[in-house]
Amino acid sequence: MRLPVGPIRGLFTFLLIALNTLLCCLPLFAVALLKLAIPVEGWRQLTSRWLVVIAEQWIANNTAIFRHTQSITWRVSGLEGLERSRWYLVVANHRSWVDIFAVQAVLNRRIPFLKFFVKKQLIWVPVMGLAWWALDMPFMQRHSKAYLEKYPEKRGQDLETTRRACEHFRKIPTSVINFVEGTRFTPAKQAASQSPYRHLLPPRAGGVAFVLGAMGELFQSLVDVTLAYPKGEGGMWALCCGHVREIVVDVHVCAIEPWLIEGDYANDPAFRERFQQWLTELWRAKDARLSAQAGAARPVPAVTGAA
């Protein structure tokens, strides 16, 4: 029997997640230290696979915790054809902090472990920096526009540095996720950005272009994930408390066209415009799917009059 919706359920669920995190972090950091102690490529690949197994089990445990403590209706589509032996770029809209849990829960062990680009400076963050390094999160070094204006000879160096950091992904199937809007959707942000979409913020093309520029030749498919919460949404605390009652995850898999990885987004205006148009069309289709889901979720009004 589940606890009543509210803070008591939230605290109980949160404590279970914290315990799961503690239990999984102990072996994670132990293997990470072994990986760090022996800088041999073969050993590094082996320990990287062990670390992924631990991380995937952490996700599976979290999913089980929510399954047994919450009453969530899952509506998932489009998972056919996904493989753990392929390289994927995953893009998604961003509704709330629940998105990360939802995407992990749906895609865990269906595709390679999800990774995201991390700013190079964050490697020094206590605990998490080691965890990100251990899980082979790609660390990126981005130079600001002002820096490049002062040191034009450094142009392109950040991309090349990140590309070298991703070289080991050639040997291990990898998935990289990007929340393209760059921030969570709210009506206020929608109005401030003058978004042309009903359910989305305008996509930010620079991040996707950077990922494709750094390791685009490795990706075999694009996984386009559309997230919606028809019966209430919120952060992780709202999820723990039982306020998130339905999660819709719609997955579309498509090919990555060669031209997307062949251009220079930073220095070629024509390519940049074409890339932005491609992403705009992707977002229009996503917005249309969300509109269709919202329409289907509305109750049908009663019809009066003669039959």
C-alpha atoms as a PDB file:
ATOM      1  CA  MET A   1       0.000   0.000   0.000  1.00  0.00           C
ATOM      2  CA  ARG A   2       1.431   3.379  -1.036  1.00  0.00           C
ATOM      3  CA  LEU A   3       1.736   6.295   1.375  1.00  0.00           C
ATOM      4  CA  PRO A   4      -0.657   9.235   0.917  1.00  0.00           C
ATOM      5  CA  VAL A   5       0.316  11.811  -1.694  1.00  0.00           C
ATOM      6  CA  GLY A   6       2.344  14.525  -0.003  1.00  0.00           C
ATOM      7  CA  PRO A   7       5.522  15.235   1.989  1.00  0.00           C
ATOM      8  CA  ILE A   8       5.548  11.924   3.907  1.00  0.00           C
ATOM      9  CA  ARG A   9       5.600   9.948   0.673  1.00  0.00           C
ATOM     10  CA  GLY A  10       8.133  12.406  -0.708  1.00  0.00           C
ATOM     11  CA  LEU A  11      10.493  11.981   2.243  1.00  0.00           C
ATOM     12  CA  PHE A  12      10.212   8.188   2.155  1.00  0.00           C
ATOM     13  CA  THR A  13      10.912   8.094  -1.605  1.00  0.00           C
ATOM     14  CA  PHE A  14      13.794  10.557  -1.300  1.00  0.00           C
ATOM     15  CA  LEU A  15      15.426   8.487   1.453  1.00  0.00           C
ATOM     16  CA  LEU A  16      15.200   5.352  -0.707  1.00  0.00           C
ATOM     17  CA  ILE A  17      16.849   7.193  -3.634  1.00  0.00           C
ATOM     18  CA  ALA A  18      19.561   8.546  -1.316  1.00  0.00           C
ATOM     19  CA  LEU A  19      20.241   5.046   0.017  1.00  0.00           C
ATOM     20  CA  ASN A  20      20.392   3.654  -3.520  1.00  0.00           C
ATOM     21  CA  THR A  21      22.827   6.430  -4.507  1.00  0.00           C
ATOM     22  CA  LEU A  22      25.060   5.719  -1.511  1.00  0.00           C
ATOM     23  CA  LEU A  23      25.115   1.975  -2.146  1.00  0.00           C
ATOM     24  CA  CYS A  24      25.943   2.453  -5.837  1.00  0.00           C
ATOM     25  CA  CYS A  25      28.526   5.195  -5.278  1.00  0.00           C
ATOM     26  CA  LEU A  26      30.702   2.982  -3.061  1.00  0.00           C
ATOM     27  CA  PRO A  27      31.549   0.460  -5.819  1.00  0.00           C
ATOM     28  CA  LEU A  28      31.526   3.242  -8.437  1.00  0.00           C
ATOM     29  CA  PHE A  29      34.283   5.177  -6.700  1.00  0.00           C
ATOM     30  CA  ALA A  30      36.224   2.007  -5.895  1.00  0.00           C
ATOM     31  CA  VAL A  31      36.320   1.015  -9.566  1.00  0.00           C
ATOM     32  CA  ALA A  32      37.046   4.641 -10.535  1.00  0.00           C
ATOM     33  CA  LEU A  33      40.145   4.598  -8.335  1.00  0.00           C
ATOM     34  CA  LEU A  34      41.263   1.349  -9.950  1.00  0.00           C
ATOM     35  CA  LYS A  35      40.748   2.952 -13.338  1.00  0.00           C
ATOM     36  CA  LEU A  36      42.809   5.972 -12.275  1.00  0.00           C
ATOM     37  CA  ALA A  37      45.587   3.874 -10.728  1.00  0.00           C
ATOM     38  CA  ILE A  38      46.360   1.861 -13.876  1.00  0.00           C
ATOM     39  CA  PRO A  39      46.517   4.178 -16.931  1.00  0.00           C
ATOM     40  CA  VAL A  40      46.491   1.364 -19.500  1.00  0.00           C
ATOM     41  CA  GLU A  41      44.013   1.623 -22.371  1.00  0.00           C
ATOM     42  CA  GLY A  42      42.759  -1.962 -22.209  1.00  0.00           C
ATOM     43  CA  TRP A  43      42.285  -1.758 -18.436  1.00  0.00           C
ATOM     44  CA  ARG A  44      40.606   1.637 -18.819  1.00  0.00           C
ATOM     45  CA  GLN A  45      38.082   0.207 -21.291  1.00  0.00           C
ATOM     46  CA  LEU A  46      37.333  -2.747 -19.027  1.00  0.00           C
ATOM     47  CA  THR A  47      36.796  -0.605 -15.927  1.00  0.00           C
ATOM     48  CA  SER A  48      34.699   1.832 -17.977  1.00  0.00           C
ATOM     49  CA  ARG A  49      32.321  -1.024 -18.814  1.00  0.00           C
ATOM     50  CA  TRP A  50      32.143  -2.018 -15.121  1.00  0.00           C
ATOM     51  CA  LEU A  51      31.324   1.580 -14.208  1.00  0.00           C
ATOM     52  CA  VAL A  52      28.528   1.724 -16.761  1.00  0.00           C
ATOM     53  CA  VAL A  53      27.051  -1.490 -15.332  1.00  0.00           C
ATOM     54  CA  ILE A  54      26.985   0.148 -11.884  1.00  0.00           C
ATOM     55  CA  ALA A  55      25.423   3.350 -13.236  1.00  0.00           C
ATOM     56  CA  GLU A  56      22.777   1.421 -15.165  1.00  0.00           C
ATOM     57  CA  GLN A  57      21.913  -0.541 -12.027  1.00  0.00           C
ATOM     58  CA  TRP A  58      21.546   2.763 -10.123  1.00  0.00           C
ATOM     59  CA  ILE A  59      19.025   3.901 -12.765  1.00  0.00           C
ATOM     60  CA  ALA A  60      17.201   0.559 -12.674  1.00  0.00           C
ATOM     61  CA  ASN A  61      16.963   0.762  -8.865  1.00  0.00           C
ATOM     62  CA  ASN A  62      15.601   4.324  -9.034  1.00  0.00           C
ATOM     63  CA  THR A  63      13.014   3.232 -11.597  1.00  0.00           C
ATOM     64  CA  ALA A  64      11.949   0.353  -9.329  1.00  0.00           C
ATOM     65  CA  ILE A  65      11.676   2.713  -6.351  1.00  0.00           C
ATOM     66  CA  PHE A  66       9.323   5.022  -8.239  1.00  0.00           C
ATOM     67  CA  ARG A  67       7.337   2.074  -9.578  1.00  0.00           C
ATOM     68  CA  HIS A  68       6.647   0.834  -6.060  1.00  0.00           C
ATOM     69  CA  THR A  69       6.137   4.200  -4.317  1.00  0.00           C
ATOM     70  CA  GLN A  70       4.214   6.149  -6.995  1.00  0.00           C
ATOM     71  CA  SER A  71       1.118   5.705  -9.136  1.00  0.00           C
ATOM     72  CA  ILE A  72       2.492   6.861 -12.489  1.00  0.00           C
ATOM     73  CA  THR A  73       0.902   5.994 -15.806  1.00  0.00           C
ATOM     74  CA  TRP A  74       3.618   5.658 -18.437  1.00  0.00           C
ATOM     75  CA  ARG A  75       2.771   6.189 -22.118  1.00  0.00           C
ATOM     76  CA  VAL A  76       5.865   5.297 -24.129  1.00  0.00           C
ATOM     77  CA  SER A  77       6.153   4.870 -27.889  1.00  0.00           C
ATOM     78  CA  GLY A  78       8.848   4.473 -30.528  1.00  0.00           C
ATOM     79  CA  LEU A  79      11.329   2.198 -28.768  1.00  0.00           C
ATOM     80  CA  GLU A  80      11.400  -0.318 -31.602  1.00  0.00           C
ATOM     81  CA  GLY A  81      14.750  -0.783 -33.286  1.00  0.00           C
ATOM     82  CA  LEU A  82      16.935   0.728 -30.562  1.00  0.00           C
ATOM     83  CA  GLU A  83      20.175  -1.168 -29.926  1.00  0.00           C
ATOM     84  CA  ARG A  84      22.863  -1.098 -27.268  1.00  0.00           C
ATOM     85  CA  SER A  85      25.581  -1.627 -29.877  1.00  0.00           C
ATOM     86  CA  ARG A  86      25.009   1.654 -31.762  1.00  0.00           C
ATOM     87  CA  TRP A  87      26.100   5.257 -31.289  1.00  0.00           C
ATOM     88  CA  TYR A  88      23.259   7.760 -30.712  1.00  0.00           C
ATOM     89  CA  LEU A  89      22.780  11.497 -30.360  1.00  0.00           C
ATOM     90  CA  VAL A  90      19.715  12.050 -28.161  1.00  0.00           C
ATOM     91  CA  VAL A  91      17.858  15.387 -28.257  1.00  0.00           C
ATOM     92  CA  ALA A  92      14.894  16.242 -26.040  1.00  0.00           C
ATOM     93  CA  ASN A  93      12.665  19.073 -24.931  1.00  0.00           C
ATOM     94  CA  HIS A  94      13.015  20.216 -21.318  1.00  0.00           C
ATOM     95  CA  ARG A  95       9.887  20.467 -19.154  1.00  0.00           C
ATOM     96  CA  SER A  96      11.221  19.840 -15.650  1.00  0.00           C
ATOM     97  CA  TRP A  97      13.932  18.134 -13.629  1.00  0.00           C
ATOM     98  CA  VAL A  98      11.866  14.957 -13.970  1.00  0.00           C
ATOM     99  CA  ASP A  99      12.984  14.805 -17.613  1.00  0.00           C
ATOM    100  CA  ILE A 100      16.350  13.284 -16.725  1.00  0.00           C
ATOM    101  CA  PHE A 101      14.725  10.531 -14.678  1.00  0.00           C
ATOM    102  CA  ALA A 102      12.102   9.883 -17.370  1.00  0.00           C
ATOM    103  CA  VAL A 103      14.625   9.619 -20.224  1.00  0.00           C
ATOM    104  CA  GLN A 104      16.948   7.425 -18.171  1.00  0.00           C
ATOM    105  CA  ALA A 105      14.091   5.149 -17.103  1.00  0.00           C
ATOM    106  CA  VAL A 106      12.843   4.654 -20.667  1.00  0.00           C
ATOM    107  CA  LEU A 107      16.177   4.325 -22.470  1.00  0.00           C
ATOM    108  CA  ASN A 108      18.207   2.533 -19.788  1.00  0.00           C
ATOM    109  CA  ARG A 109      19.750  -0.657 -21.220  1.00  0.00           C
ATOM    110  CA  ARG A 110      18.017  -0.075 -24.557  1.00  0.00           C
ATOM    111  CA  ILE A 111      20.801   2.152 -25.852  1.00  0.00           C
ATOM    112  CA  PRO A 112      24.313   2.817 -24.502  1.00  0.00           C
ATOM    113  CA  PHE A 113      24.480   4.662 -21.184  1.00  0.00           C
ATOM    114  CA  LEU A 114      23.453   8.307 -21.616  1.00  0.00           C
ATOM    115  CA  LYS A 115      26.241  10.861 -21.321  1.00  0.00           C
ATOM    116  CA  PHE A 116      26.270  14.637 -21.507  1.00  0.00           C
ATOM    117  CA  PHE A 117      28.909  17.251 -22.217  1.00  0.00           C
ATOM    118  CA  VAL A 118      30.398  18.808 -19.071  1.00  0.00           C
ATOM    119  CA  LYS A 119      32.392  22.034 -18.849  1.00  0.00           C
ATOM    120  CA  LYS A 120      36.039  21.199 -18.277  1.00  0.00           C
ATOM    121  CA  GLN A 121      36.228  23.308 -15.091  1.00  0.00           C
ATOM    122  CA  LEU A 122      33.571  21.114 -13.426  1.00  0.00           C
ATOM    123  CA  ILE A 123      35.940  18.172 -13.211  1.00  0.00           C
ATOM    124  CA  TRP A 124      37.108  19.700  -9.908  1.00  0.00           C
ATOM    125  CA  VAL A 125      33.619  19.587  -8.349  1.00  0.00           C
ATOM    126  CA  PRO A 126      33.896  17.367  -5.236  1.00  0.00           C
ATOM    127  CA  VAL A 127      32.526  13.822  -5.681  1.00  0.00           C
ATOM    128  CA  MET A 128      30.591  14.587  -8.874  1.00  0.00           C
ATOM    129  CA  GLY A 129      33.701  15.538 -10.854  1.00  0.00           C
ATOM    130  CA  LEU A 130      35.191  12.116 -10.160  1.00  0.00           C
ATOM    131  CA  ALA A 131      31.905  10.403 -10.996  1.00  0.00           C
ATOM    132  CA  TRP A 132      31.614  12.258 -14.324  1.00  0.00           C
ATOM    133  CA  TRP A 133      35.220  11.440 -15.181  1.00  0.00           C
ATOM    134  CA  ALA A 134      34.769   7.805 -14.177  1.00  0.00           C
ATOM    135  CA  LEU A 135      31.687   7.487 -16.393  1.00  0.00           C
ATOM    136  CA  ASP A 136      33.545   9.016 -19.351  1.00  0.00           C
ATOM    137  CA  MET A 137      31.371  12.111 -19.587  1.00  0.00           C
ATOM    138  CA  PRO A 138      32.958  14.204 -22.361  1.00  0.00           C
ATOM    139  CA  PHE A 139      34.549  17.319 -20.865  1.00  0.00           C
ATOM    140  CA  MET A 140      34.446  20.292 -23.191  1.00  0.00           C
ATOM    141  CA  GLN A 141      36.468  23.481 -23.268  1.00  0.00           C
ATOM    142  CA  ARG A 142      34.556  26.394 -24.773  1.00  0.00           C
ATOM    143  CA  HIS A 143      36.234  29.749 -25.441  1.00  0.00           C
ATOM    144  CA  SER A 144      34.042  32.836 -25.109  1.00  0.00           C
ATOM    145  CA  LYS A 145      33.436  35.202 -28.000  1.00  0.00           C
ATOM    146  CA  ALA A 146      35.426  37.902 -26.211  1.00  0.00           C
ATOM    147  CA  TYR A 147      38.342  35.503 -25.704  1.00  0.00           C
ATOM    148  CA  LEU A 148      38.386  34.536 -29.387  1.00  0.00           C
ATOM    149  CA  GLU A 149      38.313  38.184 -30.433  1.00  0.00           C
ATOM    150  CA  LYS A 150      41.382  38.776 -28.279  1.00  0.00           C
ATOM    151  CA  TYR A 151      43.106  35.550 -29.336  1.00  0.00           C
ATOM    152  CA  PRO A 152      41.831  34.699 -32.847  1.00  0.00           C
ATOM    153  CA  GLU A 153      44.514  32.033 -33.238  1.00  0.00           C
ATOM    154  CA  LYS A 154      42.634  29.957 -30.652  1.00  0.00           C
ATOM    155  CA  ARG A 155      39.544  29.721 -32.878  1.00  0.00           C
ATOM    156  CA  GLY A 156      38.574  26.077 -33.366  1.00  0.00           C
ATOM    157  CA  GLN A 157      40.877  24.890 -30.570  1.00  0.00           C
ATOM    158  CA  ASP A 158      37.987  24.150 -28.177  1.00  0.00           C
ATOM    159  CA  LEU A 159      36.314  21.905 -30.732  1.00  0.00           C
ATOM    160  CA  GLU A 160      39.551  20.060 -31.480  1.00  0.00           C
ATOM    161  CA  THR A 161      40.261  19.571 -27.756  1.00  0.00           C
ATOM    162  CA  THR A 162      36.798  18.096 -27.216  1.00  0.00           C
ATOM    163  CA  ARG A 163      37.156  15.911 -30.306  1.00  0.00           C
ATOM    164  CA  ARG A 164      40.358  14.417 -28.909  1.00  0.00           C
ATOM    165  CA  ALA A 165      38.652  13.824 -25.555  1.00  0.00           C
ATOM    166  CA  CYS A 166      35.959  11.804 -27.347  1.00  0.00           C
ATOM    167  CA  GLU A 167      38.381   9.568 -29.238  1.00  0.00           C
ATOM    168  CA  HIS A 168      37.878   6.603 -26.894  1.00  0.00           C
ATOM    169  CA  PHE A 169      34.171   6.592 -27.778  1.00  0.00           C
ATOM    170  CA  ARG A 170      35.161   5.009 -31.086  1.00  0.00           C
ATOM    171  CA  LYS A 171      35.790   1.754 -29.219  1.00  0.00           C
ATOM    172  CA  ILE A 172      32.741   1.783 -26.925  1.00  0.00           C
ATOM    173  CA  PRO A 173      29.157   2.478 -28.167  1.00  0.00           C
ATOM    174  CA  THR A 174      28.013   5.793 -26.739  1.00  0.00           C
ATOM    175  CA  SER A 175      24.875   7.918 -26.372  1.00  0.00           C
ATOM    176  CA  VAL A 176      25.108  11.670 -25.800  1.00  0.00           C
ATOM    177  CA  ILE A 177      22.035  13.641 -24.706  1.00  0.00           C
ATOM    178  CA  ASN A 178      21.329  17.325 -25.295  1.00  0.00           C
ATOM    179  CA  PHE A 179      18.346  19.267 -23.938  1.00  0.00           C
ATOM    180  CA  VAL A 180      18.206  21.608 -26.906  1.00  0.00           C
ATOM    181  CA  GLU A 181      16.175  24.441 -25.374  1.00  0.00           C
ATOM    182  CA  GLY A 182      18.951  25.022 -22.845  1.00  0.00           C
ATOM    183  CA  THR A 183      16.539  25.649 -19.967  1.00  0.00           C
ATOM    184  CA  ARG A 184      13.263  24.342 -18.579  1.00  0.00           C
ATOM    185  CA  PHE A 185      10.021  25.397 -20.245  1.00  0.00           C
ATOM    186  CA  THR A 186       7.775  27.865 -18.403  1.00  0.00           C
ATOM    187  CA  PRO A 187       5.039  30.165 -19.781  1.00  0.00           C
ATOM    188  CA  ALA A 188       7.109  33.172 -18.678  1.00  0.00           C
ATOM    189  CA  LYS A 189      10.174  31.961 -20.590  1.00  0.00           C
ATOM    190  CA  GLN A 190       7.960  31.178 -23.580  1.00  0.00           C
ATOM    191  CA  ALA A 191       6.653  34.748 -23.622  1.00  0.00           C
ATOM    192  CA  ALA A 192      10.087  36.310 -23.010  1.00  0.00           C
ATOM    193  CA  SER A 193      11.654  34.342 -25.867  1.00  0.00           C
ATOM    194  CA  GLN A 194       8.710  35.105 -28.191  1.00  0.00           C
ATOM    195  CA  SER A 195       8.587  31.410 -28.946  1.00  0.00           C
ATOM    196  CA  PRO A 196       6.691  30.529 -32.128  1.00  0.00           C
ATOM    197  CA  TYR A 197       5.770  27.167 -30.564  1.00  0.00           C
ATOM    198  CA  ARG A 198       2.778  26.328 -28.375  1.00  0.00           C
ATOM    199  CA  HIS A 199       4.587  23.893 -26.082  1.00  0.00           C
ATOM    200  CA  LEU A 200       8.292  24.564 -26.560  1.00  0.00           C
ATOM    201  CA  LEU A 201      10.999  27.183 -26.247  1.00  0.00           C
ATOM    202  CA  PRO A 202      13.075  28.018 -29.335  1.00  0.00           C
ATOM    203  CA  PRO A 203      15.862  25.439 -29.831  1.00  0.00           C
ATOM    204  CA  ARG A 204      19.463  26.515 -29.361  1.00  0.00           C
ATOM    205  CA  ALA A 205      21.388  25.190 -32.317  1.00  0.00           C
ATOM    206  CA  GLY A 206      24.904  25.926 -31.059  1.00  0.00           C
ATOM    207  CA  GLY A 207      25.068  23.077 -28.559  1.00  0.00           C
ATOM    208  CA  VAL A 208      23.839  20.447 -31.025  1.00  0.00           C
ATOM    209  CA  ALA A 209      26.207  21.764 -33.683  1.00  0.00           C
ATOM    210  CA  PHE A 210      29.113  21.583 -31.228  1.00  0.00           C
ATOM    211  CA  VAL A 211      28.334  17.951 -30.326  1.00  0.00           C
ATOM    212  CA  LEU A 212      28.001  16.965 -33.990  1.00  0.00           C
ATOM    213  CA  GLY A 213      31.185  18.827 -34.838  1.00  0.00           C
ATOM    214  CA  ALA A 214      33.115  17.073 -32.069  1.00  0.00           C
ATOM    215  CA  MET A 215      31.954  13.498 -32.661  1.00  0.00           C
ATOM    216  CA  GLY A 216      29.315  13.535 -35.388  1.00  0.00           C
ATOM    217  CA  GLU A 217      31.037  10.903 -37.518  1.00  0.00           C
ATOM    218  CA  LEU A 218      30.541   8.416 -34.678  1.00  0.00           C
ATOM    219  CA  PHE A 219      26.778   8.854 -34.371  1.00  0.00           C
ATOM    220  CA  GLN A 220      24.702   6.406 -36.382  1.00  0.00           C
ATOM    221  CA  SER A 221      21.251   7.789 -35.537  1.00  0.00           C
ATOM    222  CA  LEU A 222      19.441  10.719 -33.959  1.00  0.00           C
ATOM    223  CA  VAL A 223      16.997   9.856 -31.156  1.00  0.00           C
ATOM    224  CA  ASP A 224      14.406  12.620 -30.842  1.00  0.00           C
ATOM    225  CA  VAL A 225      12.616  12.377 -27.469  1.00  0.00           C
ATOM    226  CA  THR A 226       9.427  14.324 -26.763  1.00  0.00           C
ATOM    227  CA  LEU A 227       8.386  14.605 -23.102  1.00  0.00           C
ATOM    228  CA  ALA A 228       5.007  15.619 -21.674  1.00  0.00           C
ATOM    229  CA  TYR A 229       3.243  15.484 -18.306  1.00  0.00           C
ATOM    230  CA  PRO A 230      -0.517  15.714 -18.967  1.00  0.00           C
ATOM    231  CA  LYS A 231      -1.594  15.245 -15.329  1.00  0.00           C
ATOM    232  CA  GLY A 232       0.732  17.588 -13.489  1.00  0.00           C
ATOM    233  CA  GLU A 233       4.434  18.264 -13.562  1.00  0.00           C
ATOM    234  CA  GLY A 234       7.103  19.673 -11.312  1.00  0.00           C
ATOM    235  CA  GLY A 235      10.549  18.949  -9.972  1.00  0.00           C
ATOM    236  CA  MET A 236      11.944  15.821  -8.372  1.00  0.00           C
ATOM    237  CA  TRP A 237      10.296  16.672  -5.055  1.00  0.00           C
ATOM    238  CA  ALA A 238       6.884  16.812  -6.741  1.00  0.00           C
ATOM    239  CA  LEU A 239       7.659  13.437  -8.322  1.00  0.00           C
ATOM    240  CA  CYS A 240       8.673  11.952  -4.967  1.00  0.00           C
ATOM    241  CA  CYS A 241       5.510  13.309  -3.330  1.00  0.00           C
ATOM    242  CA  GLY A 242       3.265  11.683  -5.934  1.00  0.00           C
ATOM    243  CA  HIS A 243       2.095  14.788  -7.790  1.00  0.00           C
ATOM    244  CA  VAL A 244       3.337  13.574 -11.204  1.00  0.00           C
ATOM    245  CA  ARG A 245       0.654  11.104 -12.288  1.00  0.00           C
ATOM    246  CA  GLU A 246       1.361  10.559 -15.987  1.00  0.00           C
ATOM    247  CA  ILE A 247       4.545  10.650 -18.095  1.00  0.00           C
ATOM    248  CA  VAL A 248       4.435  10.583 -21.887  1.00  0.00           C
ATOM    249  CA  VAL A 249       7.663   9.739 -23.741  1.00  0.00           C
ATOM    250  CA  ASP A 250       7.534   9.706 -27.532  1.00  0.00           C
ATOM    251  CA  VAL A 251      10.705   8.503 -29.270  1.00  0.00           C
ATOM    252  CA  HIS A 252      11.511   9.091 -32.948  1.00  0.00           C
ATOM    253  CA  VAL A 253      14.677   7.647 -34.469  1.00  0.00           C
ATOM    254  CA  CYS A 254      16.053   9.105 -37.696  1.00  0.00           C
ATOM    255  CA  ALA A 255      19.281   9.141 -39.667  1.00  0.00           C
ATOM    256  CA  ILE A 256      21.872  11.885 -39.247  1.00  0.00           C
ATOM    257  CA  GLU A 257      22.374  13.347 -42.698  1.00  0.00           C
ATOM    258  CA  PRO A 258      26.042  13.657 -43.739  1.00  0.00           C
ATOM    259  CA  TRP A 259      25.881  17.426 -44.330  1.00  0.00           C
ATOM    260  CA  LEU A 260      25.092  17.987 -40.626  1.00  0.00           C
ATOM    261  CA  ILE A 261      28.621  16.965 -39.617  1.00  0.00           C
ATOM    262  CA  GLU A 262      30.528  18.358 -42.577  1.00  0.00           C
ATOM    263  CA  GLY A 263      30.031  22.110 -42.081  1.00  0.00           C
ATOM    264  CA  ASP A 264      31.587  24.760 -39.856  1.00  0.00           C
ATOM    265  CA  TYR A 265      28.809  26.164 -37.698  1.00  0.00           C
ATOM    266  CA  ALA A 266      30.962  28.842 -36.086  1.00  0.00           C
ATOM    267  CA  ASN A 267      32.498  30.303 -39.242  1.00  0.00           C
ATOM    268  CA  ASP A 268      30.177  29.442 -42.157  1.00  0.00           C
ATOM    269  CA  PRO A 269      27.016  31.641 -42.155  1.00  0.00           C
ATOM    270  CA  ALA A 270      25.345  29.637 -44.939  1.00  0.00           C
ATOM    271  CA  PHE A 271      25.861  26.348 -43.098  1.00  0.00           C
ATOM    272  CA  ARG A 272      24.730  27.922 -39.827  1.00  0.00           C
ATOM    273  CA  GLU A 273      21.489  29.129 -41.403  1.00  0.00           C
ATOM    274  CA  ARG A 274      20.811  25.720 -42.965  1.00  0.00           C
ATOM    275  CA  PHE A 275      21.549  23.977 -39.655  1.00  0.00           C
ATOM    276  CA  GLN A 276      19.205  26.284 -37.753  1.00  0.00           C
ATOM    277  CA  GLN A 277      16.471  25.671 -40.313  1.00  0.00           C
ATOM    278  CA  TRP A 278      16.899  21.910 -39.940  1.00  0.00           C
ATOM    279  CA  LEU A 279      16.565  22.174 -36.169  1.00  0.00           C
ATOM    280  CA  THR A 280      13.570  24.491 -36.520  1.00  0.00           C
ATOM    281  CA  GLU A 281      11.761  21.900 -38.637  1.00  0.00           C
ATOM    282  CA  LEU A 282      12.591  19.227 -36.060  1.00  0.00           C
ATOM    283  CA  TRP A 283      11.092  21.429 -33.351  1.00  0.00           C
ATOM    284  CA  ARG A 284       7.970  22.195 -35.389  1.00  0.00           C
ATOM    285  CA  ALA A 285       7.293  18.472 -35.723  1.00  0.00           C
ATOM    286  CA  LYS A 286       7.848  18.023 -31.984  1.00  0.00           C
ATOM    287  CA  ASP A 287       5.454  20.881 -31.193  1.00  0.00           C
ATOM    288  CA  ALA A 288       2.835  19.323 -33.474  1.00  0.00           C
ATOM    289  CA  ARG A 289       3.153  16.001 -31.611  1.00  0.00           C
ATOM    290  CA  LEU A 290       2.687  17.769 -28.283  1.00  0.00           C
ATOM    291  CA  SER A 291      -0.364  19.611 -29.634  1.00  0.00           C
ATOM    292  CA  ALA A 292      -1.853  16.318 -30.828  1.00  0.00           C
ATOM    293  CA  GLN A 293      -1.233  14.734 -27.415  1.00  0.00           C
ATOM    294  CA  ALA A 294      -2.842  17.709 -25.652  1.00  0.00           C
ATOM    295  CA  GLY A 295      -5.867  17.493 -27.952  1.00  0.00           C
ATOM    296  CA  ALA A 296      -6.245  13.786 -27.387  1.00  0.00           C
ATOM    297  CA  ALA A 297      -6.067  14.310 -23.623  1.00  0.00           C
ATOM    298  CA  ARG A 298      -8.962  16.802 -23.547  1.00  0.00           C
ATOM    299  CA  PRO A 299     -12.380  15.334 -22.681  1.00  0.00           C
ATOM    300  CA  VAL A 300     -14.786  15.212 -25.599  1.00  0.00           C
ATOM    301  CA  PRO A 301     -17.730  17.577 -24.952  1.00  0.00           C
ATOM    302  CA  ALA A 302     -21.158  16.010 -24.697  1.00  0.00           C
ATOM    303  CA  VAL A 303     -23.323  16.221 -27.825  1.00  0.00           C
ATOM    304  CA  THR A 304     -26.917  17.343 -27.326  1.00  0.00           C
ATOM    305  CA  GLY A 305     -29.831  17.304 -29.715  1.00  0.00           C
ATOM    306  CA  ALA A 306     -31.565  14.742 -31.866  1.00  0.00           C
ATOM    307  CA  ALA A 307     -29.782  11.573 -32.800  1.00  0.00           C
END
